[in-house]
Protein backbone atom coordinates (compact mmCIF):
# COMPACT_ATOMS: atom_id res chain seq x y z
CA MET A 1 3.82 -55.43 -116.50
CA SER A 2 3.00 -56.65 -120.09
CA ARG A 3 0.73 -59.66 -120.29
CA PHE A 4 2.01 -60.41 -123.56
CA PRO A 5 2.94 -63.03 -125.14
CA ALA A 6 -0.95 -64.41 -124.94
CA VAL A 7 -3.36 -66.75 -127.16
CA ALA A 8 -6.08 -65.26 -128.31
CA GLY A 9 -8.86 -67.96 -129.31
CA ARG A 10 -10.35 -71.17 -128.02
CA ALA A 11 -8.11 -74.34 -126.98
CA PRO A 12 -5.82 -75.75 -129.81
CA ARG A 13 -7.93 -79.16 -130.86
CA ARG A 14 -4.72 -81.18 -131.48
CA GLN A 15 -2.33 -81.59 -128.68
CA GLU A 16 1.30 -83.45 -129.46
CA GLU A 17 2.88 -86.06 -126.77
CA GLY A 18 5.89 -86.22 -125.54
CA GLU A 19 8.79 -83.86 -124.48
CA ARG A 20 7.82 -81.16 -127.02
CA SER A 21 4.51 -80.69 -125.69
CA ARG A 22 5.47 -80.43 -122.16
CA ASP A 23 7.75 -77.79 -123.28
CA LEU A 24 5.39 -75.82 -125.11
CA GLN A 25 3.25 -75.84 -122.25
CA GLU A 26 6.14 -74.17 -120.24
CA GLU A 27 7.14 -71.37 -122.66
CA ARG A 28 3.50 -70.25 -123.33
CA PRO A 29 0.88 -69.48 -121.90
CA SER A 30 -2.58 -71.19 -122.14
CA ALA A 31 -5.02 -70.62 -124.80
CA VAL A 32 -7.91 -67.60 -123.65
CA PRO A 33 -11.53 -68.28 -123.74
CA ILE A 34 -13.22 -66.22 -126.36
CA ALA A 35 -14.83 -63.39 -125.00
CA ASP A 36 -18.43 -62.88 -124.76
CA ARG A 37 -19.06 -61.26 -127.97
CA GLU A 38 -21.77 -58.80 -126.99
CA GLU A 39 -19.99 -57.84 -124.20
CA LYS A 40 -17.11 -56.28 -126.59
CA GLY A 41 -19.58 -54.26 -128.44
CA CYS A 42 -18.87 -56.81 -131.69
CA THR A 43 -22.24 -58.01 -132.65
CA SER A 44 -24.91 -56.10 -134.80
CA GLN A 45 -28.52 -56.40 -134.43
CA GLU A 46 -28.38 -58.50 -137.23
CA GLY A 47 -25.87 -61.16 -136.13
CA GLY A 48 -22.90 -60.45 -138.25
CA THR A 49 -19.36 -60.32 -136.77
CA THR A 50 -18.59 -56.08 -136.81
CA PRO A 51 -14.52 -55.13 -135.49
CA THR A 52 -14.53 -52.43 -133.17
CA PHE A 53 -14.75 -49.08 -134.39
CA PRO A 54 -14.15 -45.79 -132.96
CA ILE A 55 -17.71 -44.72 -133.43
CA GLN A 56 -18.91 -47.30 -131.39
CA LYS A 57 -18.60 -46.24 -128.43
CA GLN A 58 -20.51 -43.01 -129.39
CA ARG A 59 -23.65 -44.78 -131.07
CA LYS A 60 -25.87 -43.69 -128.46
CA LYS A 61 -25.33 -39.79 -128.22
CA LEU A 62 -25.28 -40.19 -132.27
CA ILE A 63 -28.28 -41.52 -133.08
CA GLN A 64 -30.09 -39.17 -130.75
CA ALA A 65 -28.23 -36.16 -132.37
CA VAL A 66 -29.69 -37.82 -135.89
CA ARG A 67 -32.87 -37.50 -134.23
CA ASP A 68 -32.42 -34.04 -132.48
CA ASN A 69 -31.48 -31.99 -135.57
CA SER A 70 -32.56 -32.01 -139.45
CA PHE A 71 -28.87 -31.74 -140.33
CA LEU A 72 -26.42 -33.32 -138.49
CA ILE A 73 -22.72 -32.92 -139.58
CA VAL A 74 -20.68 -36.17 -138.58
CA THR A 75 -16.67 -35.24 -138.60
CA GLY A 76 -14.10 -38.53 -137.54
CA ASN A 77 -10.65 -39.83 -138.39
CA THR A 78 -10.39 -41.96 -141.69
CA GLY A 79 -11.37 -45.22 -140.47
CA SER A 80 -13.62 -44.56 -137.39
CA GLY A 81 -16.70 -46.28 -138.48
CA LYS A 82 -18.79 -43.87 -140.57
CA THR A 83 -19.77 -45.27 -143.51
CA THR A 84 -20.34 -48.72 -142.29
CA GLN A 85 -21.71 -48.27 -138.80
CA LEU A 86 -23.43 -45.25 -139.17
CA PRO A 87 -26.07 -46.64 -141.29
CA LYS A 88 -26.58 -49.51 -139.31
CA TYR A 89 -27.00 -48.11 -136.01
CA LEU A 90 -30.22 -45.96 -137.78
CA TYR A 91 -31.60 -48.81 -139.21
CA GLU A 92 -31.80 -50.47 -135.47
CA ALA A 93 -33.05 -47.81 -134.13
CA GLY A 94 -36.12 -47.67 -136.48
CA PHE A 95 -35.33 -45.09 -138.75
CA SER A 96 -36.03 -47.26 -141.77
CA GLN A 97 -39.46 -47.39 -140.60
CA HIS A 98 -40.29 -44.41 -142.56
CA GLY A 99 -38.16 -44.79 -145.75
CA MET A 100 -34.91 -46.01 -146.99
CA ILE A 101 -31.63 -44.78 -145.26
CA GLY A 102 -29.47 -43.47 -148.43
CA VAL A 103 -25.77 -43.08 -147.98
CA THR A 104 -24.15 -41.37 -150.84
CA GLN A 105 -20.63 -41.92 -152.12
CA PRO A 106 -18.47 -40.16 -154.80
CA ARG A 107 -17.11 -43.62 -156.99
CA LYS A 108 -19.55 -46.20 -157.25
CA VAL A 109 -16.72 -48.70 -156.69
CA ALA A 110 -17.02 -47.20 -152.93
CA ALA A 111 -20.60 -47.54 -152.88
CA ILE A 112 -20.44 -51.52 -154.01
CA SER A 113 -17.87 -52.40 -152.33
CA VAL A 114 -19.06 -50.73 -148.70
CA ALA A 115 -22.36 -51.85 -149.55
CA GLN A 116 -21.20 -55.60 -149.76
CA ARG A 117 -19.17 -55.10 -146.41
CA VAL A 118 -22.52 -53.59 -144.60
CA ALA A 119 -24.54 -56.96 -145.84
CA GLU A 120 -21.98 -59.42 -144.77
CA GLU A 121 -22.32 -57.48 -141.60
CA MET A 122 -25.63 -57.89 -140.80
CA LYS A 123 -25.82 -61.58 -142.38
CA CYS A 124 -27.76 -60.71 -145.33
CA THR A 125 -27.85 -61.31 -148.88
CA LEU A 126 -26.88 -57.88 -150.98
CA GLY A 127 -30.08 -56.57 -152.67
CA SER A 128 -32.37 -57.40 -149.86
CA LYS A 129 -32.08 -55.12 -146.52
CA VAL A 130 -28.97 -53.92 -147.81
CA GLY A 131 -28.18 -52.65 -151.50
CA TYR A 132 -26.36 -50.32 -154.00
CA GLN A 133 -27.29 -48.48 -157.42
CA VAL A 134 -24.72 -47.19 -159.57
CA ARG A 135 -24.84 -45.81 -162.94
CA PHE A 136 -26.41 -49.03 -165.00
CA ASP A 137 -26.53 -51.31 -162.01
CA ASP A 138 -29.57 -51.39 -159.05
CA CYS A 139 -28.75 -54.16 -156.93
CA SER A 140 -31.32 -53.20 -154.49
CA SER A 141 -35.47 -54.47 -154.03
CA LYS A 142 -38.04 -53.16 -152.31
CA GLU A 143 -37.20 -54.67 -148.95
CA THR A 144 -33.82 -52.49 -148.96
CA ALA A 145 -33.34 -50.42 -145.92
CA ILE A 146 -30.04 -49.07 -146.26
CA LYS A 147 -29.34 -48.02 -149.85
CA TYR A 148 -25.51 -46.78 -150.68
CA MET A 149 -25.26 -44.94 -154.36
CA THR A 150 -23.19 -42.54 -156.38
CA ASP A 151 -23.97 -39.12 -155.81
CA GLY A 152 -25.12 -39.12 -159.17
CA CYS A 153 -27.82 -41.81 -158.54
CA LEU A 154 -29.19 -39.55 -155.55
CA LEU A 155 -29.82 -36.58 -157.70
CA LYS A 156 -31.29 -38.55 -160.07
CA HIS A 157 -33.64 -39.55 -157.53
CA ILE A 158 -34.36 -35.98 -156.55
CA LEU A 159 -35.36 -35.12 -160.20
CA GLY A 160 -37.88 -38.12 -160.44
CA ASP A 161 -38.81 -36.96 -156.40
CA PRO A 162 -38.04 -33.77 -155.45
CA ASN A 163 -39.49 -33.95 -151.76
CA LEU A 164 -37.08 -37.71 -151.46
CA THR A 165 -40.89 -39.55 -150.07
CA LYS A 166 -38.87 -42.66 -150.24
CA PHE A 167 -35.85 -41.93 -148.38
CA SER A 168 -35.62 -41.37 -144.48
CA VAL A 169 -32.32 -40.52 -143.69
CA ILE A 170 -29.89 -38.95 -146.43
CA ILE A 171 -25.93 -39.48 -145.67
CA LEU A 172 -23.70 -37.37 -147.45
CA ASP A 173 -20.36 -39.30 -147.27
CA GLU A 174 -16.75 -38.26 -148.03
CA ALA A 175 -18.33 -34.65 -148.45
CA HIS A 176 -14.79 -33.12 -148.26
CA GLU A 177 -14.34 -34.14 -151.99
CA ARG A 178 -16.64 -31.38 -153.14
CA THR A 179 -17.50 -32.51 -157.06
CA LEU A 180 -20.14 -30.81 -158.68
CA THR A 181 -22.52 -32.71 -157.71
CA THR A 182 -21.88 -32.86 -154.09
CA ASP A 183 -22.25 -29.26 -154.26
CA ILE A 184 -25.31 -29.31 -156.11
CA LEU A 185 -27.07 -31.94 -153.70
CA PHE A 186 -26.11 -29.60 -150.86
CA GLY A 187 -27.66 -26.67 -152.38
CA LEU A 188 -31.03 -28.80 -153.04
CA LEU A 189 -31.10 -30.61 -149.59
CA LYS A 190 -31.40 -27.37 -148.23
CA LYS A 191 -33.67 -26.02 -150.48
CA LEU A 192 -35.74 -29.07 -149.67
CA PHE A 193 -36.06 -27.75 -145.81
CA GLN A 194 -37.22 -24.42 -147.06
CA GLU A 195 -39.37 -25.68 -148.60
CA LYS A 196 -41.74 -28.09 -146.75
CA SER A 197 -43.95 -30.35 -148.33
CA PRO A 198 -46.99 -31.59 -147.08
CA ASN A 199 -46.66 -34.85 -148.86
CA ARG A 200 -43.83 -35.92 -146.55
CA LYS A 201 -45.14 -37.77 -143.26
CA GLU A 202 -41.71 -37.85 -141.42
CA HIS A 203 -39.18 -34.71 -141.54
CA LEU A 204 -36.45 -36.00 -143.44
CA LYS A 205 -32.75 -36.46 -141.88
CA VAL A 206 -29.79 -35.13 -143.40
CA VAL A 207 -26.06 -36.54 -142.18
CA VAL A 208 -22.84 -34.75 -143.66
CA MET A 209 -20.07 -36.65 -142.96
CA SER A 210 -16.12 -35.52 -143.56
CA ALA A 211 -12.72 -36.18 -142.62
CA THR A 212 -11.36 -32.99 -143.19
CA MET A 213 -13.68 -30.52 -144.90
CA GLU A 214 -14.44 -26.89 -143.58
CA LEU A 215 -16.88 -27.72 -140.86
CA ALA A 216 -17.84 -24.22 -139.98
CA LYS A 217 -18.79 -23.03 -143.08
CA LEU A 218 -20.69 -25.98 -143.74
CA SER A 219 -22.29 -25.75 -140.62
CA ALA A 220 -23.22 -22.17 -141.61
CA PHE A 221 -24.42 -23.07 -144.68
CA PHE A 222 -26.82 -25.67 -143.22
CA GLY A 223 -28.20 -23.01 -140.71
CA ASN A 224 -25.52 -22.94 -137.88
CA CYS A 225 -26.40 -27.08 -137.18
CA PRO A 226 -24.43 -28.74 -134.85
CA ILE A 227 -21.02 -30.93 -135.31
CA PHE A 228 -20.53 -34.37 -133.67
CA ASP A 229 -17.11 -35.33 -133.56
CA ILE A 230 -15.71 -39.10 -133.28
CA PRO A 231 -12.97 -39.21 -131.40
CA GLY A 232 -10.36 -41.92 -131.08
CA ARG A 233 -7.64 -42.87 -133.06
CA LEU A 234 -7.19 -45.31 -136.17
CA TYR A 235 -4.99 -48.44 -136.11
CA PRO A 236 -4.78 -49.53 -139.51
CA ILE A 237 -1.63 -51.95 -139.05
CA VAL A 238 -3.86 -53.95 -136.26
CA LYS A 239 -6.95 -53.88 -138.87
CA VAL A 240 -4.51 -55.35 -141.43
CA THR A 241 -3.38 -57.55 -139.57
CA MET A 242 -6.27 -59.05 -138.54
CA ASP A 243 -7.87 -59.16 -141.91
CA ILE A 244 -4.62 -61.52 -142.83
CA HIS A 245 -5.63 -63.72 -139.27
CA LEU A 246 -9.17 -63.89 -140.94
CA ASN A 247 -9.01 -64.12 -144.42
CA GLU A 248 -5.47 -65.73 -145.19
CA MET A 249 -4.41 -69.38 -144.78
CA ALA A 250 -2.08 -70.99 -142.35
CA GLY A 251 1.56 -68.78 -141.89
CA ASP A 252 2.61 -66.42 -139.29
CA ILE A 253 2.33 -62.64 -139.31
CA LEU A 254 5.45 -59.91 -138.88
CA VAL A 255 4.30 -56.74 -138.10
CA PHE A 256 6.92 -54.07 -137.86
CA LEU A 257 5.91 -50.69 -135.57
CA THR A 258 8.22 -48.19 -134.25
CA GLY A 259 8.96 -48.76 -130.45
CA GLN A 260 7.53 -50.09 -127.06
CA PHE A 261 4.81 -48.12 -127.08
CA GLU A 262 3.28 -48.38 -130.69
CA ILE A 263 3.94 -52.46 -129.80
CA GLU A 264 2.53 -53.07 -126.24
CA LYS A 265 -0.69 -50.42 -127.42
CA SER A 266 -1.18 -52.81 -130.87
CA CYS A 267 -1.10 -56.36 -128.66
CA GLU A 268 -3.75 -55.01 -126.74
CA LEU A 269 -6.01 -53.86 -129.33
CA LEU A 270 -5.02 -57.16 -131.56
CA PHE A 271 -6.01 -59.29 -128.42
CA GLN A 272 -9.33 -58.04 -128.11
CA MET A 273 -9.66 -58.00 -131.28
CA ALA A 274 -9.30 -61.62 -131.49
CA GLU A 275 -11.00 -62.75 -128.65
CA SER A 276 -14.23 -61.67 -130.44
CA VAL A 277 -13.41 -63.75 -133.34
CA ASP A 278 -16.03 -67.24 -134.00
CA TYR A 279 -13.13 -69.88 -135.53
CA ASP A 280 -16.36 -71.48 -136.51
CA TYR A 281 -17.50 -69.35 -138.73
CA ASP A 282 -15.17 -66.26 -139.31
CA VAL A 283 -11.75 -67.14 -140.10
CA GLN A 284 -10.95 -68.69 -143.85
CA ASP A 285 -8.64 -70.82 -143.04
CA THR A 286 -10.29 -73.67 -140.23
CA THR A 287 -6.90 -75.52 -139.21
CA LEU A 288 -6.77 -72.19 -137.39
CA ASP A 289 -7.79 -72.24 -133.85
CA GLY A 290 -6.16 -68.79 -132.03
CA LEU A 291 -3.47 -66.59 -132.75
CA LEU A 292 -0.56 -66.07 -130.59
CA ILE A 293 0.89 -62.64 -130.00
CA LEU A 294 4.39 -61.76 -128.75
CA PRO A 295 5.73 -58.12 -129.08
CA CYS A 296 9.65 -57.93 -129.84
CA TYR A 297 11.66 -54.41 -129.06
CA GLY A 298 15.04 -54.13 -127.77
CA SER A 299 14.62 -53.39 -123.89
CA MET A 300 13.09 -56.73 -123.28
CA THR A 301 15.20 -59.44 -121.66
CA THR A 302 16.93 -62.55 -123.81
CA ASP A 303 14.57 -64.54 -122.68
CA GLN A 304 11.58 -62.50 -123.43
CA GLN A 305 12.83 -62.53 -127.33
CA ARG A 306 13.91 -66.25 -127.06
CA ARG A 307 9.82 -67.15 -127.20
CA ILE A 308 9.60 -65.04 -130.58
CA PHE A 309 11.80 -68.31 -132.23
CA LEU A 310 9.86 -71.04 -130.97
CA PRO A 311 7.39 -72.40 -133.14
CA PRO A 312 3.24 -72.17 -132.18
CA PRO A 313 1.57 -74.81 -130.59
CA PRO A 314 -0.78 -76.91 -133.56
CA GLY A 315 -3.58 -74.75 -135.12
CA ILE A 316 -2.20 -71.32 -133.52
CA ARG A 317 -0.85 -68.75 -135.79
CA LYS A 318 2.22 -66.86 -134.47
CA CYS A 319 1.85 -62.60 -134.89
CA VAL A 320 5.11 -60.94 -133.74
CA ILE A 321 5.09 -57.35 -133.24
CA SER A 322 8.43 -55.70 -133.23
CA THR A 323 10.83 -52.60 -133.38
CA ASN A 324 13.14 -53.19 -136.99
CA ILE A 325 15.31 -55.07 -134.78
CA SER A 326 13.93 -57.96 -136.66
CA ALA A 327 14.57 -56.44 -140.15
CA THR A 328 18.07 -56.30 -139.34
CA SER A 329 19.19 -58.15 -136.62
CA LEU A 330 16.74 -61.53 -135.77
CA THR A 331 15.59 -64.47 -138.66
CA ILE A 332 12.47 -65.72 -137.73
CA ASP A 333 11.12 -69.09 -139.08
CA GLY A 334 7.44 -69.13 -140.33
CA ILE A 335 7.11 -66.27 -141.29
CA ARG A 336 4.63 -65.64 -144.40
CA TYR A 337 3.20 -62.41 -144.24
CA VAL A 338 5.01 -58.96 -143.22
CA VAL A 339 2.84 -55.93 -142.25
CA ASP A 340 5.09 -52.56 -141.92
CA GLY A 341 4.00 -49.49 -141.07
CA GLY A 342 5.98 -47.29 -142.88
CA PHE A 343 7.54 -45.38 -140.41
CA VAL A 344 11.06 -46.26 -138.19
CA LYS A 345 12.67 -44.14 -135.30
CA GLN A 346 15.55 -42.72 -136.13
CA LEU A 347 18.48 -40.74 -134.17
CA ASN A 348 18.85 -37.29 -135.80
CA HIS A 349 20.94 -34.40 -134.70
CA ASN A 350 19.91 -31.26 -134.61
CA PRO A 351 22.79 -28.42 -135.22
CA ARG A 352 20.30 -25.87 -134.02
CA LEU A 353 20.06 -27.54 -130.75
CA GLY A 354 23.49 -29.58 -130.45
CA LEU A 355 21.59 -32.62 -129.49
CA ASP A 356 21.03 -35.99 -130.68
CA ILE A 357 16.92 -36.31 -131.14
CA LEU A 358 15.36 -40.14 -131.82
CA GLU A 359 12.48 -38.56 -134.20
CA VAL A 360 10.13 -41.12 -135.86
CA VAL A 361 10.44 -40.44 -139.92
CA PRO A 362 9.55 -42.72 -143.07
CA ILE A 363 11.42 -45.29 -143.87
CA SER A 364 14.31 -44.49 -146.33
CA LYS A 365 13.30 -42.75 -149.67
CA PHE A 366 13.37 -45.23 -152.89
CA PRO A 367 16.72 -44.89 -154.36
CA TYR A 368 16.76 -43.65 -157.40
CA LEU A 369 19.52 -43.63 -159.25
CA ASP A 370 19.02 -40.41 -161.30
CA PRO A 371 15.91 -38.59 -159.77
CA PRO A 372 13.14 -37.47 -162.42
CA ASN A 373 12.36 -34.17 -162.47
CA GLU A 374 10.03 -33.41 -159.75
CA ARG A 375 7.66 -31.98 -162.55
CA LEU A 376 7.74 -35.02 -164.42
CA ILE A 377 7.13 -36.91 -160.98
CA LEU A 378 3.85 -34.21 -160.38
CA GLU A 379 2.38 -34.89 -164.14
CA ALA A 380 2.01 -38.68 -163.24
CA LEU A 381 0.66 -38.64 -159.73
CA LYS A 382 -2.06 -35.88 -161.86
CA GLN A 383 -2.43 -38.71 -164.64
CA LEU A 384 -2.61 -41.32 -161.81
CA TYR A 385 -5.52 -38.98 -160.22
CA GLN A 386 -7.42 -38.58 -163.55
CA CYS A 387 -7.70 -42.51 -164.16
CA ASP A 388 -8.94 -42.61 -160.71
CA ALA A 389 -5.86 -44.88 -159.60
CA ILE A 390 -4.68 -42.42 -156.54
CA ASP A 391 -6.62 -40.64 -154.08
CA ARG A 392 -6.72 -36.85 -153.37
CA SER A 393 -4.04 -38.01 -150.65
CA GLY A 394 -2.08 -40.39 -152.89
CA HIS A 395 -3.30 -43.40 -151.62
CA VAL A 396 -3.64 -46.14 -154.51
CA THR A 397 -7.30 -47.06 -155.03
CA ARG A 398 -8.58 -50.37 -155.88
CA LEU A 399 -8.33 -49.41 -159.23
CA GLY A 400 -4.87 -48.83 -159.13
CA LEU A 401 -4.05 -52.21 -157.54
CA SER A 402 -5.90 -53.56 -160.80
CA MET A 403 -4.16 -50.98 -163.11
CA VAL A 404 -0.85 -52.44 -162.26
CA GLU A 405 -1.62 -56.06 -163.06
CA PHE A 406 -1.51 -54.78 -166.93
CA PRO A 407 1.73 -54.20 -169.34
CA LEU A 408 -0.05 -50.86 -170.35
CA PRO A 409 0.44 -47.15 -169.99
CA PRO A 410 -1.78 -45.84 -167.31
CA HIS A 411 -4.48 -44.82 -169.57
CA LEU A 412 -4.98 -47.34 -171.43
CA THR A 413 -5.11 -49.21 -168.81
CA CYS A 414 -7.55 -47.61 -167.07
CA ALA A 415 -9.62 -47.10 -170.54
CA VAL A 416 -9.79 -51.25 -170.85
CA ILE A 417 -11.04 -51.93 -167.11
CA LYS A 418 -13.75 -49.22 -167.98
CA ALA A 419 -14.81 -51.19 -171.08
CA ALA A 420 -15.11 -54.28 -169.49
CA SER A 421 -17.34 -52.99 -166.67
CA LEU A 422 -19.56 -51.51 -169.48
CA ASP A 423 -19.05 -55.12 -171.47
CA CYS A 424 -17.90 -53.39 -174.56
CA GLU A 425 -13.91 -54.51 -174.17
CA ASP A 426 -14.39 -56.28 -177.53
CA LEU A 427 -14.44 -52.74 -179.34
CA LEU A 428 -11.22 -50.99 -176.90
CA LEU A 429 -8.79 -54.19 -176.74
CA PRO A 430 -8.00 -53.94 -180.46
CA ILE A 431 -7.30 -50.24 -180.13
CA ALA A 432 -5.47 -50.81 -177.35
CA ALA A 433 -3.38 -53.35 -178.82
CA MET A 434 -3.03 -51.09 -181.98
CA LEU A 435 -1.63 -48.17 -179.85
CA SER A 436 0.50 -50.26 -177.80
CA VAL A 437 2.73 -51.41 -181.24
CA GLU A 438 5.35 -49.02 -182.88
CA ASN A 439 4.19 -49.93 -186.34
CA VAL A 440 0.94 -52.20 -187.34
CA PHE A 441 2.44 -52.41 -190.97
CA ILE A 442 5.35 -55.24 -191.81
CA ARG A 443 7.39 -54.15 -194.76
CA PRO A 444 7.49 -57.55 -197.05
């Protein structure tokens, strides 16, 4: 039997008097004490709080694999923790004693944001132990041990120092994107090992990380190097829900999933993550003391479903994880944040089998009055990709989210944002303004 609803966090600071207090105590379980964070594997050596990732279970094996091999290919689902956690593990294992741990990213926005995240987890100032280098911006110092950079910056390092004497480990992340610079780096690093230099005191380690690339082909290129697979599924909805709980102000959360199994699994994962939270330091809203997790699906009893309508105890945020029953049949007061997985279970008739089958399908498509031509949609996607507004999978990038705020065509919006990053927006804004109007001349 499921143990939910349950509260993850510390005991509420405030307690109301009278009947309402007694009713709340009868209706809801008491708060669960925060578990030992080190036992949960949620602290780094530097004392920062780290979310749970599939890569954590493979930490020792992964570190040993890097020690034993000059080249190593690491593969795993997106969000398994490769980009943020592996450099930290290697740093904590002492790899940075003989040089920096360099991590490449295909885009400068990714290099900067990931460096900021790792610096937060390691509780250090960006530019000290963790830094980054992109074009026209080098945020690193002599004490930098983990350095995130674009592919082009690493190529520039090789031009100035062909033996990469300042680095002990090179991690090529997002290798499946196969840019021109990435392919050149593959060749240069392979050549570096073929021509061993006496200037290097320690053997350089090269780790290639990819989610979808042809792994056998890449392994053969690097002398049949081993492939390390990080098993485990990613639960992005749980992560987004936890991010809301930690970073947003008070207000209840409603999460939509497809069925009972997903709901119960998500409740368990969310409870484990919420248990490790330090409410004195990790939560943006200091009035919050815990997270009340409530499942809701059709096979639950009426008494169990009734709990989702009750207000949470003082200082506790309520999180209802439900099927689409909450979208059509129920109204829950206090909901401020909604997380929708985008899928729903739908009963469809299979004419070949002559049976009705319950399938997980995407939520109904956008209701066009007149659907646009497929060729025009592809052209629009191509233009957005060229502007870095979407990635290869069609997901909106951070730049794309920023572009939505501008009442301009995509190419002009992209130009304005990039001009601002280069500190030359004063030159481009008049051009963008002139291109945004039909006629700059007025007939007297």
